[in-house]
Amino acid sequence: MYPDSNHVKTLALTNTEDSVIWEYAKPNHFVIVSKDSDFHQRSLLYGHPPKFIYLRIGNSSTSKIVQILRDNFDTIIQFCNSKVESILILA
């Protein structure tokens, strides 16, 4: 469904500072998807790139996260294609 997606583990960015992930995402044209409110604050301060999808869902299973990303596919694609939007909040 999201063929160009990656995980911080795959990119060897596990246990790194949010700023490192943010700076990695910019030149690589990644959209950050996270439940971490720190990325939300960073996005409000700096805008995009990178864009940020904030999963405001608390503690949830991986299957619940996958379902949210599937259910919101069209919204996510529109967000990614927008020139003005920096943050998408999914709950």
Protein backbone atom coordinates (compact mmCIF):
# COMPACT_ATOMS: atom_id res chain seq x y z
CA MET A 1 0.00 0.00 0.00
CA TYR A 2 2.89 2.37 0.77
CA PRO A 3 5.69 0.81 -1.29
CA ASP A 4 8.36 3.44 -0.60
CA SER A 5 7.89 3.42 3.16
CA ASN A 6 10.61 2.49 5.62
CA HIS A 7 10.98 1.98 9.34
CA VAL A 8 13.60 3.55 11.59
CA LYS A 9 14.90 0.04 12.32
CA THR A 10 15.49 -0.62 8.62
CA LEU A 11 17.30 2.71 8.31
CA ALA A 12 19.47 2.07 11.39
CA LEU A 13 17.90 5.08 13.14
CA THR A 14 16.53 3.25 16.18
CA ASN A 15 17.25 5.06 19.46
CA THR A 16 18.32 8.25 17.70
CA GLU A 17 17.23 11.78 18.53
CA ASP A 18 14.08 13.06 16.86
CA SER A 19 16.16 15.79 15.21
CA VAL A 20 18.30 13.15 13.46
CA ILE A 21 15.21 11.40 12.09
CA TRP A 22 13.78 14.78 11.03
CA GLU A 23 16.97 15.75 9.21
CA TYR A 24 17.20 12.32 7.56
CA ALA A 25 13.60 12.55 6.33
CA LYS A 26 14.04 15.95 4.63
CA PRO A 27 16.49 15.15 1.81
CA ASN A 28 15.08 11.65 1.41
CA HIS A 29 11.51 12.94 0.87
CA PHE A 30 10.05 10.84 3.68
CA VAL A 31 6.83 11.61 5.51
CA ILE A 32 7.26 10.90 9.21
CA VAL A 33 4.47 8.83 10.76
CA SER A 34 4.56 8.68 14.54
CA LYS A 35 2.63 8.75 17.80
CA ASP A 36 5.37 11.01 19.22
CA SER A 37 4.04 14.48 20.06
CA ASP A 38 7.59 15.88 19.82
CA PHE A 39 7.38 15.52 16.04
CA HIS A 40 4.05 17.36 16.16
CA GLN A 41 5.73 20.27 17.96
CA ARG A 42 8.68 20.24 15.58
CA SER A 43 6.33 20.31 12.61
CA LEU A 44 4.45 23.28 14.06
CA LEU A 45 7.75 25.13 14.54
CA TYR A 46 9.49 24.31 11.27
CA GLY A 47 6.78 23.32 8.80
CA HIS A 48 7.72 20.98 6.00
CA PRO A 49 9.67 19.22 4.65
CA PRO A 50 9.33 16.70 6.04
CA LYS A 51 5.61 16.29 6.37
CA PHE A 52 4.30 14.65 9.52
CA ILE A 53 1.40 12.27 10.12
CA TYR A 54 0.53 12.34 13.79
CA LEU A 55 -1.14 9.15 15.03
CA ARG A 56 -3.02 10.42 18.07
CA ILE A 57 -4.11 6.98 19.17
CA GLY A 58 -2.32 6.22 22.43
CA ASN A 59 -1.06 2.71 23.02
CA SER A 60 -2.28 0.64 20.09
CA SER A 61 -1.37 -2.62 18.46
CA THR A 62 0.52 -2.74 15.20
CA SER A 63 -2.57 -4.17 13.53
CA LYS A 64 -4.62 -1.15 14.72
CA ILE A 65 -2.01 1.22 13.26
CA VAL A 66 -2.01 -0.68 9.97
CA GLN A 67 -5.81 -0.48 9.86
CA ILE A 68 -5.75 3.30 10.43
CA LEU A 69 -3.20 3.76 7.64
CA ARG A 70 -5.30 1.61 5.29
CA ASP A 71 -8.59 3.28 6.19
CA ASN A 72 -7.10 6.73 5.56
CA PHE A 73 -5.21 5.92 2.36
CA ASP A 74 -6.97 8.54 0.19
CA THR A 75 -6.59 11.23 2.85
CA ILE A 76 -2.90 10.40 3.27
CA ILE A 77 -2.26 10.57 -0.48
CA GLN A 78 -4.02 13.95 -0.70
CA PHE A 79 -1.98 15.20 2.24
CA CYS A 80 1.29 14.01 0.70
CA ASN A 81 0.44 15.78 -2.56
CA SER A 82 -0.52 19.05 -0.86
CA LYS A 83 1.94 21.91 -1.22
CA VAL A 84 0.69 23.71 1.89
CA GLU A 85 -0.16 21.11 4.54
CA SER A 86 2.56 20.08 6.99
CA ILE A 87 0.64 17.97 9.52
CA LEU A 88 -2.07 15.34 9.22
CA ILE A 89 -3.63 14.15 12.47
CA LEU A 90 -5.25 10.72 12.50
CA ALA A 91 -7.14 9.45 15.52
